[in-house]
N, C-alpha and C. Protein backbone atom coordinates (compact mmCIF):
# COMPACT_ATOMS: atom_id res chain seq x y z
N MET A 1 -34.98 26.19 4.46
CA MET A 1 -34.48 25.18 5.48
C MET A 1 -33.56 26.23 6.21
N LYS A 2 -33.43 26.22 7.47
CA LYS A 2 -32.84 26.92 8.45
C LYS A 2 -32.21 25.92 9.58
N ALA A 3 -30.54 26.20 9.54
CA ALA A 3 -30.45 25.07 10.46
C ALA A 3 -29.31 26.28 11.51
N LEU A 4 -29.51 25.40 12.59
CA LEU A 4 -28.35 26.06 14.10
C LEU A 4 -27.31 25.02 14.16
N VAL A 5 -26.13 25.49 14.15
CA VAL A 5 -24.87 24.87 14.43
C VAL A 5 -24.48 25.22 15.67
N ILE A 6 -24.53 23.91 16.58
CA ILE A 6 -23.99 24.65 18.13
C ILE A 6 -22.64 24.23 18.22
N GLU A 7 -21.56 24.76 18.00
CA GLU A 7 -20.49 24.14 17.95
C GLU A 7 -19.32 25.13 18.71
N ASP A 8 -18.69 24.75 19.37
CA ASP A 8 -17.71 25.60 20.23
C ASP A 8 -16.26 26.18 19.52
N ASN A 9 -15.84 24.98 18.53
CA ASN A 9 -14.65 25.75 17.90
C ASN A 9 -14.99 26.38 16.53
N PRO A 10 -14.87 27.51 16.78
CA PRO A 10 -15.48 28.83 15.60
C PRO A 10 -14.83 28.52 14.19
N ASN A 11 -13.72 27.72 13.98
CA ASN A 11 -13.01 27.28 12.35
C ASN A 11 -13.95 26.48 12.19
N LEU A 12 -14.57 25.26 12.74
CA LEU A 12 -15.16 24.27 12.47
C LEU A 12 -16.36 24.67 12.26
N ALA A 13 -17.27 25.58 12.95
CA ALA A 13 -18.33 26.02 12.99
C ALA A 13 -18.73 26.99 11.83
N THR A 14 -17.51 27.61 11.38
CA THR A 14 -17.84 28.25 10.31
C THR A 14 -17.62 27.72 8.97
N SER A 15 -16.75 26.49 9.02
CA SER A 15 -16.51 25.74 7.98
C SER A 15 -18.06 24.68 7.40
N ILE A 16 -18.92 24.39 8.91
CA ILE A 16 -20.02 23.48 8.69
C ILE A 16 -20.81 24.65 7.83
N ALA A 17 -21.01 25.95 8.55
CA ALA A 17 -21.84 27.10 8.19
C ALA A 17 -22.04 27.00 6.81
N THR A 18 -20.33 27.23 6.25
CA THR A 18 -20.27 27.55 4.72
C THR A 18 -20.80 26.42 4.12
N PHE A 19 -20.51 25.37 4.18
CA PHE A 19 -20.81 23.95 3.66
C PHE A 19 -22.36 23.90 3.69
N LEU A 20 -22.89 24.08 4.57
CA LEU A 20 -24.37 24.16 4.68
C LEU A 20 -25.32 25.20 3.64
N GLY A 21 -24.34 26.44 4.09
CA GLY A 21 -24.84 27.77 2.86
C GLY A 21 -24.88 27.46 1.87
N GLU A 22 -24.07 27.03 1.40
CA GLU A 22 -23.69 26.07 -0.42
C GLU A 22 -24.58 25.68 -0.72
N ALA A 23 -25.33 24.62 0.38
CA ALA A 23 -26.45 23.52 -0.19
C ALA A 23 -27.45 24.35 0.15
N GLY A 24 -28.07 25.46 0.42
CA GLY A 24 -29.19 26.03 0.39
C GLY A 24 -29.87 26.26 1.84
N PHE A 25 -29.08 26.29 2.84
CA PHE A 25 -29.30 26.07 4.15
C PHE A 25 -29.08 27.53 4.49
N GLN A 26 -30.12 28.32 5.57
CA GLN A 26 -29.90 29.74 6.23
C GLN A 26 -29.43 29.10 7.28
N VAL A 27 -27.86 29.43 7.68
CA VAL A 27 -27.33 28.93 8.89
C VAL A 27 -26.96 30.06 10.05
N GLU A 28 -27.12 29.80 11.46
CA GLU A 28 -26.63 30.66 12.31
C GLU A 28 -26.14 29.73 13.23
N THR A 29 -25.32 29.92 14.13
CA THR A 29 -24.16 29.39 14.61
C THR A 29 -23.94 29.93 16.20
N CYS A 30 -23.62 29.11 17.42
CA CYS A 30 -23.54 29.17 18.44
C CYS A 30 -22.57 28.55 18.95
N GLY A 31 -21.76 29.14 19.99
CA GLY A 31 -20.84 28.61 20.55
C GLY A 31 -20.84 27.81 22.03
N ASP A 32 -22.18 28.06 22.82
CA ASP A 32 -22.28 27.61 23.93
C ASP A 32 -23.54 26.90 24.17
N GLY A 33 -24.01 26.02 25.23
CA GLY A 33 -25.02 25.37 25.37
C GLY A 33 -26.12 26.62 25.79
N ARG A 34 -25.66 27.05 26.81
CA ARG A 34 -26.90 28.65 27.37
C ARG A 34 -27.25 29.42 26.52
N SER A 35 -26.52 30.16 25.74
CA SER A 35 -27.25 31.03 24.43
C SER A 35 -27.99 29.97 23.16
N ALA A 36 -27.35 28.70 23.18
CA ALA A 36 -28.15 28.20 22.20
C ALA A 36 -29.55 27.32 22.44
N GLU A 37 -29.76 27.26 23.82
CA GLU A 37 -31.23 27.19 24.77
C GLU A 37 -31.81 28.39 24.43
N HIS A 38 -31.19 29.46 24.51
CA HIS A 38 -32.15 30.47 24.49
C HIS A 38 -32.55 30.47 22.92
N LEU A 39 -31.97 30.73 21.98
CA LEU A 39 -32.01 30.61 20.77
C LEU A 39 -33.20 29.64 20.52
N LEU A 40 -33.19 28.64 20.63
CA LEU A 40 -34.16 27.30 20.56
C LEU A 40 -35.27 27.37 20.91
N GLN A 41 -35.33 28.31 22.37
CA GLN A 41 -36.71 28.77 22.58
C GLN A 41 -37.41 29.76 22.04
N THR A 42 -36.62 30.62 21.43
CA THR A 42 -37.11 31.86 20.49
C THR A 42 -37.66 31.87 19.42
N LEU A 43 -37.05 30.80 18.61
CA LEU A 43 -36.71 30.65 17.05
C LEU A 43 -36.82 29.57 16.61
N SER A 44 -37.32 29.29 15.62
CA SER A 44 -37.38 27.96 14.73
C SER A 44 -36.75 27.60 13.96
N PHE A 45 -35.96 26.34 13.89
CA PHE A 45 -35.03 25.45 13.16
C PHE A 45 -35.43 24.51 12.19
N ASP A 46 -34.95 24.09 10.92
CA ASP A 46 -35.58 22.97 10.54
C ASP A 46 -34.50 21.78 10.98
N LEU A 47 -33.25 22.12 11.42
CA LEU A 47 -32.32 20.96 11.88
C LEU A 47 -31.38 21.59 12.59
N ILE A 48 -30.88 20.81 13.77
CA ILE A 48 -29.77 21.31 14.67
C ILE A 48 -28.65 20.35 14.24
N LEU A 49 -27.65 21.28 14.41
CA LEU A 49 -26.20 20.27 14.40
C LEU A 49 -25.57 20.54 15.84
N LEU A 50 -25.56 19.45 16.75
CA LEU A 50 -24.98 19.53 18.04
C LEU A 50 -23.91 18.99 18.45
N ASP A 51 -22.82 19.73 19.22
CA ASP A 51 -21.73 19.10 19.64
C ASP A 51 -21.81 19.17 20.97
N LEU A 52 -21.43 17.80 21.64
CA LEU A 52 -21.79 17.65 22.68
C LEU A 52 -20.83 18.55 23.98
N GLY A 53 -19.16 18.43 23.64
CA GLY A 53 -18.61 19.33 24.40
C GLY A 53 -18.42 20.53 24.51
N LEU A 54 -19.89 20.93 25.22
CA LEU A 54 -20.06 22.80 24.97
C LEU A 54 -19.84 23.12 26.19
N PRO A 55 -19.23 24.51 26.30
CA PRO A 55 -18.93 25.20 27.47
C PRO A 55 -20.92 25.78 27.94
N GLU A 56 -20.63 25.89 29.11
CA GLU A 56 -21.88 26.41 29.65
C GLU A 56 -23.04 25.46 29.97
N LEU A 57 -23.37 24.64 28.95
CA LEU A 57 -24.44 23.78 28.92
C LEU A 57 -24.17 22.77 28.08
N ASP A 58 -23.82 21.36 28.55
CA ASP A 58 -23.40 20.23 28.01
C ASP A 58 -24.54 19.84 26.95
N GLY A 59 -23.71 19.45 25.70
CA GLY A 59 -24.73 19.18 24.57
C GLY A 59 -26.11 18.11 25.07
N ILE A 60 -25.60 16.90 25.88
CA ILE A 60 -26.63 16.05 26.04
C ILE A 60 -27.28 16.79 27.21
N HIS A 61 -27.12 17.45 27.77
CA HIS A 61 -28.44 18.19 28.44
C HIS A 61 -29.43 19.29 27.83
N LEU A 62 -28.55 19.95 27.14
CA LEU A 62 -29.16 20.86 26.39
C LEU A 62 -30.44 19.72 25.14
N LEU A 63 -29.89 18.71 24.68
CA LEU A 63 -30.73 17.71 24.00
C LEU A 63 -31.99 16.96 24.82
N ARG A 64 -31.54 16.78 25.75
CA ARG A 64 -32.81 16.30 26.74
C ARG A 64 -33.88 17.62 26.95
N ARG A 65 -33.33 18.67 27.51
CA ARG A 65 -34.49 19.72 27.41
C ARG A 65 -35.08 19.82 26.62
N LEU A 66 -34.50 19.92 25.06
CA LEU A 66 -35.17 19.79 23.85
C LEU A 66 -36.41 19.22 23.87
N ARG A 67 -36.13 17.75 23.77
CA ARG A 67 -37.08 16.71 23.86
C ARG A 67 -38.20 16.86 25.02
N ASN A 68 -37.78 17.28 26.28
CA ASN A 68 -38.31 17.26 27.10
C ASN A 68 -39.56 18.19 26.62
N ARG A 69 -39.30 19.52 26.18
CA ARG A 69 -40.30 20.19 25.85
C ARG A 69 -40.75 19.89 24.59
N HIS A 70 -41.14 18.71 23.90
CA HIS A 70 -41.55 18.32 22.94
C HIS A 70 -41.13 18.98 21.49
N ASP A 71 -40.10 19.59 21.65
CA ASP A 71 -39.51 19.89 20.49
C ASP A 71 -38.90 18.71 19.23
N LYS A 72 -39.76 18.54 18.17
CA LYS A 72 -39.10 17.08 17.84
C LYS A 72 -38.10 17.90 16.63
N THR A 73 -37.57 18.86 16.48
CA THR A 73 -36.54 19.41 15.48
C THR A 73 -35.24 18.36 15.06
N PRO A 74 -35.20 17.56 14.14
CA PRO A 74 -34.20 17.00 14.19
C PRO A 74 -32.93 17.42 14.58
N VAL A 75 -32.09 16.78 14.90
CA VAL A 75 -30.63 17.15 15.61
C VAL A 75 -29.76 15.57 15.21
N LEU A 76 -28.60 16.39 14.89
CA LEU A 76 -27.16 15.71 14.11
C LEU A 76 -26.26 15.96 15.14
N ILE A 77 -25.86 14.95 15.96
CA ILE A 77 -24.84 15.20 16.77
C ILE A 77 -23.70 15.29 16.25
N ILE A 78 -22.79 16.29 16.28
CA ILE A 78 -21.40 16.09 15.54
C ILE A 78 -20.29 16.40 16.57
N SER A 79 -19.55 14.99 17.38
CA SER A 79 -18.77 15.42 18.41
C SER A 79 -17.51 14.13 18.21
N ALA A 80 -16.65 14.71 18.96
CA ALA A 80 -15.49 14.43 18.97
C ALA A 80 -15.56 13.05 20.46
N ARG A 81 -16.72 12.55 20.79
CA ARG A 81 -17.33 11.67 21.70
C ARG A 81 -17.33 10.31 21.14
N ASP A 82 -16.67 9.73 20.84
CA ASP A 82 -17.06 8.70 19.26
C ASP A 82 -17.12 7.49 20.01
N ALA A 83 -17.12 7.01 21.30
CA ALA A 83 -17.29 5.58 21.97
C ALA A 83 -18.54 5.43 21.86
N LEU A 84 -18.85 4.01 22.33
CA LEU A 84 -20.08 3.48 21.57
C LEU A 84 -21.14 3.99 22.49
N ASP A 85 -20.75 4.30 23.86
CA ASP A 85 -21.77 4.32 25.02
C ASP A 85 -22.31 5.71 25.00
N GLN A 86 -21.29 6.92 24.16
CA GLN A 86 -21.85 7.88 24.36
C GLN A 86 -22.42 8.31 22.78
N ARG A 87 -22.37 7.37 21.70
CA ARG A 87 -23.42 7.35 20.52
C ARG A 87 -24.37 7.06 20.75
N VAL A 88 -24.38 5.80 21.79
CA VAL A 88 -25.67 4.96 22.13
C VAL A 88 -26.76 6.03 23.14
N LEU A 89 -25.91 6.44 24.10
CA LEU A 89 -26.68 8.00 24.83
C LEU A 89 -27.04 8.82 24.00
N GLY A 90 -26.69 9.35 23.03
CA GLY A 90 -27.04 10.52 22.44
C GLY A 90 -28.23 10.31 21.57
N LEU A 91 -28.14 9.08 21.16
CA LEU A 91 -29.45 8.42 20.42
C LEU A 91 -30.85 8.52 21.55
N GLU A 92 -30.29 7.68 22.26
CA GLU A 92 -31.49 7.17 23.63
C GLU A 92 -32.03 8.70 23.91
N GLU A 93 -30.97 9.78 24.19
CA GLU A 93 -31.67 11.27 24.20
C GLU A 93 -32.24 11.92 23.51
N GLY A 94 -32.86 11.60 22.40
CA GLY A 94 -33.47 12.00 21.13
C GLY A 94 -32.71 12.38 19.87
N ALA A 95 -31.60 12.41 19.89
CA ALA A 95 -31.00 12.50 18.56
C ALA A 95 -31.20 12.04 17.45
N ASP A 96 -31.24 12.33 16.17
CA ASP A 96 -31.78 11.72 15.06
C ASP A 96 -30.68 10.62 14.25
N ASP A 97 -29.12 11.29 14.23
CA ASP A 97 -28.28 10.57 13.97
C ASP A 97 -27.00 11.57 14.93
N TYR A 98 -25.89 10.89 14.35
CA TYR A 98 -24.56 10.74 15.02
C TYR A 98 -23.36 10.94 13.91
N LEU A 99 -22.43 11.73 14.38
CA LEU A 99 -21.20 12.00 13.33
C LEU A 99 -20.39 12.23 14.20
N ALA A 100 -19.35 11.30 14.35
CA ALA A 100 -18.10 11.07 15.17
C ALA A 100 -16.64 12.06 14.32
N LYS A 101 -16.28 13.00 15.28
CA LYS A 101 -15.51 13.91 14.51
C LYS A 101 -13.94 12.80 14.70
N PRO A 102 -13.07 12.97 13.42
CA PRO A 102 -13.12 14.11 12.54
C PRO A 102 -14.08 13.48 11.20
N PHE A 103 -15.01 14.14 10.18
CA PHE A 103 -15.93 13.50 9.45
C PHE A 103 -15.44 14.68 8.29
N SER A 104 -16.06 14.39 7.42
CA SER A 104 -16.15 14.96 6.01
C SER A 104 -17.10 15.89 5.87
N LEU A 105 -16.99 16.96 5.40
CA LEU A 105 -17.83 17.74 5.63
C LEU A 105 -18.95 17.81 4.45
N VAL A 106 -18.46 16.76 3.33
CA VAL A 106 -19.54 16.48 2.57
C VAL A 106 -20.72 15.57 3.25
N GLU A 107 -20.22 14.93 4.19
CA GLU A 107 -21.22 13.56 4.68
C GLU A 107 -22.22 14.61 5.65
N VAL A 108 -21.51 15.90 6.31
CA VAL A 108 -22.42 16.38 7.23
C VAL A 108 -23.48 17.25 6.21
N VAL A 109 -23.16 17.41 5.14
CA VAL A 109 -24.26 18.35 4.73
C VAL A 109 -25.12 17.09 4.03
N ALA A 110 -24.91 15.58 3.50
CA ALA A 110 -25.58 15.05 2.94
C ALA A 110 -26.63 14.26 4.08
N ARG A 111 -26.13 14.32 5.51
CA ARG A 111 -27.01 13.92 6.44
C ARG A 111 -27.84 15.01 6.97
N ALA A 112 -27.23 16.34 6.85
CA ALA A 112 -28.26 17.35 7.24
C ALA A 112 -29.89 17.11 6.22
N LYS A 113 -29.32 17.21 4.75
CA LYS A 113 -30.40 16.97 3.84
C LYS A 113 -31.48 15.70 4.23
N ALA A 114 -31.19 14.61 4.79
CA ALA A 114 -31.59 13.40 4.86
C ALA A 114 -32.51 13.82 5.72
N LEU A 115 -31.91 14.04 7.17
CA LEU A 115 -33.06 14.31 8.38
C LEU A 115 -33.93 15.40 7.71
N VAL A 116 -33.85 16.52 7.15
CA VAL A 116 -34.79 17.70 6.83
C VAL A 116 -35.56 16.96 5.76
N ARG A 117 -35.36 16.30 4.90
CA ARG A 117 -36.51 15.67 4.10
C ARG A 117 -36.99 14.69 5.34
N ARG A 118 -36.37 13.80 5.89
CA ARG A 118 -37.49 12.73 6.37
C ARG A 118 -38.49 13.32 7.37
N ALA A 119 -37.89 14.26 7.82
CA ALA A 119 -38.96 14.99 8.65
C ALA A 119 -39.99 15.67 8.15
N LYS A 120 -39.66 16.47 7.04
CA LYS A 120 -41.01 16.94 6.21
C LYS A 120 -41.67 15.62 5.72
N GLN A 121 -41.21 14.78 5.41
CA GLN A 121 -41.94 13.63 4.69
C GLN A 121 -42.84 13.03 5.92
N PHE A 122 -42.41 12.66 6.86
CA PHE A 122 -43.11 12.38 8.12
C PHE A 122 -43.71 12.98 9.44
N GLY A 123 -43.35 13.93 9.49
CA GLY A 123 -43.83 15.04 10.18
C GLY A 123 -45.08 15.97 10.31
N GLU A 124 -45.64 15.97 9.36
CA GLU A 124 -46.72 16.86 9.21
C GLU A 124 -48.16 16.29 9.51
N ASN A 125 -48.47 15.08 9.30
CA ASN A 125 -49.78 14.46 9.85
C ASN A 125 -49.81 13.87 10.92
N SER A 126 -50.80 13.72 11.64
CA SER A 126 -50.87 12.38 12.56
C SER A 126 -51.07 11.13 11.75
N LEU A 127 -50.75 10.24 12.40
CA LEU A 127 -50.88 8.58 11.77
C LEU A 127 -51.79 7.77 12.49
N GLN A 128 -52.41 7.04 11.88
CA GLN A 128 -53.63 6.56 12.62
C GLN A 128 -54.13 5.12 11.97
N CYS A 129 -54.22 3.82 12.41
CA CYS A 129 -54.47 2.73 12.15
C CYS A 129 -54.85 2.19 13.09
N GLY A 130 -56.83 2.03 12.91
CA GLY A 130 -57.68 1.65 13.99
C GLY A 130 -57.65 2.62 14.89
N ASP A 131 -57.27 2.09 16.23
CA ASP A 131 -57.04 2.83 17.57
C ASP A 131 -55.88 3.17 18.03
N ILE A 132 -54.50 2.95 16.60
CA ILE A 132 -53.48 3.22 17.44
C ILE A 132 -53.06 4.84 16.66
N GLU A 133 -52.67 5.53 17.21
CA GLU A 133 -52.74 6.95 16.63
C GLU A 133 -51.30 7.80 16.99
N LEU A 134 -50.37 8.07 16.06
CA LEU A 134 -49.06 8.61 16.51
C LEU A 134 -49.47 10.22 16.20
N PRO A 135 -49.64 11.00 17.29
CA PRO A 135 -49.98 12.26 16.89
C PRO A 135 -48.55 13.38 16.34
N SER A 136 -49.34 14.33 15.57
CA SER A 136 -47.92 15.16 14.85
C SER A 136 -47.55 15.92 16.23
N GLY A 137 -46.21 16.46 16.17
CA GLY A 137 -45.93 17.23 17.12
C GLY A 137 -45.84 16.78 18.67
N SER A 138 -46.04 15.66 18.71
CA SER A 138 -46.23 14.67 20.12
C SER A 138 -45.34 13.50 20.27
N PRO A 139 -44.41 13.19 21.20
CA PRO A 139 -43.92 11.69 21.54
C PRO A 139 -44.53 10.88 21.78
N ALA A 140 -46.24 11.07 22.02
CA ALA A 140 -47.11 10.13 22.61
C ALA A 140 -47.40 9.04 21.43
N VAL A 141 -47.90 8.09 21.89
CA VAL A 141 -48.36 6.84 21.15
C VAL A 141 -49.80 6.74 22.10
N LEU A 142 -51.05 6.56 21.11
CA LEU A 142 -52.03 6.61 21.77
C LEU A 142 -52.88 5.45 20.76
N VAL A 143 -53.74 4.11 22.09
CA VAL A 143 -54.25 2.96 21.94
C VAL A 143 -55.78 3.44 22.23
N GLY A 144 -56.34 3.70 21.50
CA GLY A 144 -57.96 4.19 21.99
C GLY A 144 -57.87 5.28 22.91
N GLY A 145 -57.20 6.17 22.29
CA GLY A 145 -57.29 7.68 23.33
C GLY A 145 -55.77 7.44 24.46
N GLN A 146 -55.87 6.11 25.09
CA GLN A 146 -54.57 6.53 25.97
C GLN A 146 -53.25 6.28 25.77
N PRO A 147 -52.48 6.96 26.25
CA PRO A 147 -50.97 6.74 26.00
C PRO A 147 -50.32 5.26 26.15
N VAL A 148 -49.66 4.93 25.55
CA VAL A 148 -48.81 4.07 25.52
C VAL A 148 -47.41 4.24 25.49
N THR A 149 -46.28 3.51 26.38
CA THR A 149 -45.12 3.61 26.41
C THR A 149 -44.57 2.89 25.41
N LEU A 150 -43.66 3.45 24.49
CA LEU A 150 -42.65 2.80 23.46
C LEU A 150 -41.34 3.24 23.75
N HIS A 151 -40.41 2.17 23.71
CA HIS A 151 -38.84 2.72 23.20
C HIS A 151 -38.97 3.76 21.88
N ARG A 152 -37.84 4.30 21.78
CA ARG A 152 -37.43 5.23 20.88
C ARG A 152 -37.70 4.23 19.44
N ARG A 153 -36.40 3.22 19.51
CA ARG A 153 -36.84 2.59 18.33
C ARG A 153 -37.97 1.50 17.75
N GLU A 154 -38.91 1.49 19.00
CA GLU A 154 -40.07 0.41 18.96
C GLU A 154 -41.19 1.52 17.98
N ARG A 155 -41.08 2.88 18.25
CA ARG A 155 -41.77 3.92 17.91
C ARG A 155 -41.56 4.08 16.54
N GLU A 156 -40.15 4.05 16.03
CA GLU A 156 -39.92 4.62 14.89
C GLU A 156 -40.28 3.17 13.90
N VAL A 157 -40.28 1.85 14.29
CA VAL A 157 -40.79 0.70 13.79
C VAL A 157 -42.23 1.07 13.30
N LEU A 158 -42.91 1.36 14.29
CA LEU A 158 -44.34 1.80 14.32
C LEU A 158 -45.11 2.40 13.57
N GLU A 159 -43.94 3.53 13.36
CA GLU A 159 -43.80 5.18 12.36
C GLU A 159 -44.04 4.69 11.00
N TYR A 160 -43.21 3.98 10.80
CA TYR A 160 -42.70 3.44 9.37
C TYR A 160 -43.80 2.52 8.93
N LEU A 161 -44.54 1.62 9.74
CA LEU A 161 -45.48 0.45 9.62
C LEU A 161 -47.00 1.35 9.55
N LEU A 162 -46.91 2.56 10.45
CA LEU A 162 -48.22 3.50 9.96
C LEU A 162 -48.14 4.02 8.65
N ILE A 163 -47.27 4.44 8.39
CA ILE A 163 -46.80 4.94 6.93
C ILE A 163 -47.05 4.24 5.87
N ASN A 164 -47.17 2.80 5.90
CA ASN A 164 -46.98 1.78 4.99
C ASN A 164 -48.33 0.87 5.39
N GLN A 165 -49.13 1.31 5.87
CA GLN A 165 -50.29 0.34 6.30
C GLN A 165 -51.22 -0.27 5.10
N GLY A 166 -51.14 -1.35 5.31
CA GLY A 166 -51.37 -2.22 4.00
C GLY A 166 -50.58 -2.51 3.17
N ARG A 167 -49.43 -2.30 3.47
CA ARG A 167 -48.40 -2.67 2.35
C ARG A 167 -47.36 -3.52 3.08
N LEU A 168 -46.66 -4.42 2.01
CA LEU A 168 -45.77 -4.82 2.72
C LEU A 168 -44.72 -4.30 3.08
N VAL A 169 -44.02 -4.34 4.41
CA VAL A 169 -42.86 -3.66 4.61
C VAL A 169 -41.81 -4.89 5.11
N SER A 170 -40.60 -4.76 4.22
CA SER A 170 -39.36 -5.91 4.25
C SER A 170 -38.77 -5.59 5.74
N LYS A 171 -38.00 -6.69 6.14
CA LYS A 171 -37.35 -6.26 7.19
C LYS A 171 -35.80 -5.04 6.81
N ALA A 172 -35.49 -5.48 5.72
CA ALA A 172 -34.53 -4.63 5.15
C ALA A 172 -35.06 -3.15 4.65
N GLN A 173 -36.03 -3.28 4.75
CA GLN A 173 -36.76 -1.56 4.56
C GLN A 173 -36.79 -0.65 6.21
N LEU A 174 -36.74 -1.68 6.76
CA LEU A 174 -36.76 -1.47 8.47
C LEU A 174 -35.41 -0.94 9.10
N ILE A 175 -34.83 -1.98 8.67
CA ILE A 175 -33.16 -1.57 9.13
C ILE A 175 -32.63 -0.42 8.25
N ASP A 176 -32.96 0.25 7.27
CA ASP A 176 -32.90 1.00 6.45
C ASP A 176 -33.61 2.13 6.87
N ARG A 177 -34.81 2.24 7.65
CA ARG A 177 -35.43 3.28 8.50
C ARG A 177 -34.97 3.52 9.41
N LEU A 178 -34.05 2.62 10.37
CA LEU A 178 -33.42 2.95 11.52
C LEU A 178 -32.05 3.15 11.30
N SER A 179 -31.32 3.38 10.24
CA SER A 179 -29.97 3.26 10.02
C SER A 179 -29.76 4.82 10.77
N ASP A 180 -30.40 5.74 10.28
CA ASP A 180 -29.74 7.36 10.98
C ASP A 180 -29.60 6.90 12.27
N LEU A 181 -30.51 5.95 13.18
CA LEU A 181 -30.58 6.08 14.50
C LEU A 181 -29.29 4.93 15.33
N ASP A 182 -28.82 3.82 14.53
CA ASP A 182 -28.10 2.82 14.87
C ASP A 182 -27.49 2.16 13.96
N ASP A 183 -26.47 2.53 13.42
CA ASP A 183 -25.81 1.80 12.18
C ASP A 183 -25.70 0.23 12.26
N ALA A 184 -25.68 -0.42 13.72
CA ALA A 184 -25.31 -1.60 13.69
C ALA A 184 -26.89 -2.23 14.26
N VAL A 185 -28.07 -1.93 13.45
CA VAL A 185 -29.14 -2.44 13.87
C VAL A 185 -29.19 -3.67 13.21
N SER A 186 -29.69 -4.77 13.91
CA SER A 186 -29.40 -6.05 13.34
C SER A 186 -30.90 -6.58 12.89
N PRO A 187 -30.80 -7.44 12.00
CA PRO A 187 -32.34 -8.26 11.61
C PRO A 187 -33.26 -8.49 12.85
N SER A 188 -32.14 -9.17 14.06
CA SER A 188 -32.97 -9.92 14.96
C SER A 188 -33.48 -9.13 15.99
N ALA A 189 -33.01 -8.05 16.29
CA ALA A 189 -33.31 -6.19 16.57
C ALA A 189 -34.67 -6.07 16.17
N ILE A 190 -34.68 -6.05 14.88
CA ILE A 190 -36.20 -6.03 14.20
C ILE A 190 -36.85 -6.60 14.50
N GLU A 191 -36.81 -8.00 14.87
CA GLU A 191 -37.79 -8.91 15.49
C GLU A 191 -38.36 -8.82 16.41
N THR A 192 -37.38 -8.07 17.43
CA THR A 192 -37.85 -7.76 18.95
C THR A 192 -38.66 -6.75 18.76
N TYR A 193 -38.02 -5.46 18.05
CA TYR A 193 -39.28 -4.15 18.28
C TYR A 193 -40.70 -4.84 17.55
N ILE A 194 -40.86 -5.80 16.66
CA ILE A 194 -42.23 -6.12 16.14
C ILE A 194 -42.69 -7.35 17.45
N SER A 195 -41.90 -8.23 17.92
CA SER A 195 -42.48 -8.99 19.13
C SER A 195 -43.16 -7.58 19.92
N ARG A 196 -41.91 -6.76 20.96
CA ARG A 196 -42.54 -5.73 21.57
C ARG A 196 -43.91 -4.82 21.04
N LEU A 197 -44.03 -4.48 19.82
CA LEU A 197 -45.19 -4.05 19.58
C LEU A 197 -46.21 -4.70 19.61
N ARG A 198 -46.59 -5.99 19.26
CA ARG A 198 -47.50 -6.64 19.56
C ARG A 198 -47.91 -6.60 20.69
N LYS A 199 -47.12 -7.09 22.16
CA LYS A 199 -47.43 -6.97 23.21
C LYS A 199 -47.80 -5.46 23.53
N LYS A 200 -47.56 -4.93 23.35
CA LYS A 200 -47.73 -3.26 23.85
C LYS A 200 -48.72 -3.03 23.16
N LEU A 201 -49.27 -3.08 21.98
CA LEU A 201 -50.38 -2.58 21.08
C LEU A 201 -51.95 -3.37 21.45
N GLY A 202 -51.35 -4.69 21.60
CA GLY A 202 -53.05 -5.55 22.13
C GLY A 202 -53.69 -5.99 20.46
N ASP A 203 -54.70 -6.24 20.73
CA ASP A 203 -55.47 -6.92 19.93
C ASP A 203 -56.17 -5.34 19.13
N ASP A 204 -55.35 -4.16 18.92
CA ASP A 204 -56.47 -3.13 18.31
C ASP A 204 -55.96 -3.09 16.79
N ILE A 205 -55.00 -3.86 16.40
CA ILE A 205 -54.54 -3.51 14.97
C ILE A 205 -53.73 -5.24 14.88
N GLN A 206 -53.83 -5.61 13.61
CA GLN A 206 -53.04 -6.75 13.01
C GLN A 206 -51.81 -6.24 12.63
N LEU A 207 -50.76 -7.24 12.73
CA LEU A 207 -49.35 -7.34 12.48
C LEU A 207 -48.80 -8.25 12.26
N ARG A 208 -48.86 -8.61 10.95
CA ARG A 208 -48.73 -9.83 10.62
C ARG A 208 -47.38 -10.36 10.05
N THR A 209 -46.62 -11.34 10.06
CA THR A 209 -45.74 -11.50 9.59
C THR A 209 -45.82 -12.68 8.25
N VAL A 210 -45.49 -12.25 7.32
CA VAL A 210 -45.29 -12.85 5.75
C VAL A 210 -43.67 -12.97 5.62
N ARG A 211 -43.95 -14.80 6.16
CA ARG A 211 -42.99 -15.46 6.12
C ARG A 211 -41.66 -15.41 4.40
N GLY A 212 -40.78 -14.71 5.04
CA GLY A 212 -39.77 -14.83 4.20
C GLY A 212 -39.58 -13.13 3.30
N LEU A 213 -40.63 -12.36 3.61
CA LEU A 213 -41.19 -11.49 2.65
C LEU A 213 -40.89 -9.92 4.06
N GLY A 214 -41.60 -10.09 5.08
CA GLY A 214 -41.72 -8.46 6.13
C GLY A 214 -43.12 -9.24 6.47
N TYR A 215 -43.25 -7.43 6.73
CA TYR A 215 -44.54 -7.42 7.77
C TYR A 215 -45.66 -6.36 7.32
N LEU A 216 -46.87 -7.06 7.49
CA LEU A 216 -47.69 -5.88 6.92
C LEU A 216 -49.06 -5.85 8.19
N LEU A 217 -48.79 -4.25 8.19
CA LEU A 217 -50.09 -3.34 9.04
C LEU A 217 -50.99 -2.96 8.89
N ASP A 218 -52.09 -3.49 9.47
CA ASP A 218 -53.86 -3.30 8.80
C ASP A 218 -54.48 -3.21 10.26
N THR A 219 -55.42 -2.40 9.71
CA THR A 219 -56.87 -2.57 10.48
C THR A 219 -57.52 -3.83 10.92
N LYS A 220 -57.48 -4.20 12.37
CA LYS A 220 -58.05 -5.75 12.62
C LYS A 220 -59.27 -5.83 11.96
N SER A 221 -59.55 -7.13 11.32
CA SER A 221 -61.15 -7.34 10.66
C SER A 221 -61.69 -7.43 11.84
N SER A 222 -62.90 -7.39 11.68
CA SER A 222 -64.25 -7.66 12.63
C SER A 222 -64.40 -8.78 12.30
């Protein structure tokens, strides 16, 4: 596992790198956004730990450029910007998780491992059910070969349903699935995402609510 720590505080960067190294990561560090962008364009990483307050190029802009290139490398933001609007902005721009400073290095390692495990589990193959497809390595959602725009969290819900198609998925499981993105996700939010998916995906698949138990995604019966 190879990680890039983008942090302009050299002492903190070294500490994070040391803990990650002890956990089995090969770690590179970088102290500014421009240099980090060059590394990300030339090298492959399994995980990026990203500070937002970087010199040369701000972390949010670096993240936005990364996702605009359709690079799906997991990103854990580590930032002193702990206001809710900054957390939401980071997640909406494509981060997979967010830790506000000060934080425990033990927690950094735990979250880093979790993100890498999830990426390996879900990122290898395209997911498909009927005419609905989530291609590997692409942000696109295709319905009958045509792209459909989904909100990031809608796509996360759909991805989990596709992985578990034909199996009942509880609301609690979906909340847990989204917990790396938004710790405050609520049951009503899950209901909203499910409702939006039904409207956007149309009649190509069957997404059923099993009252009191959860949701079931399967190919629509003819």
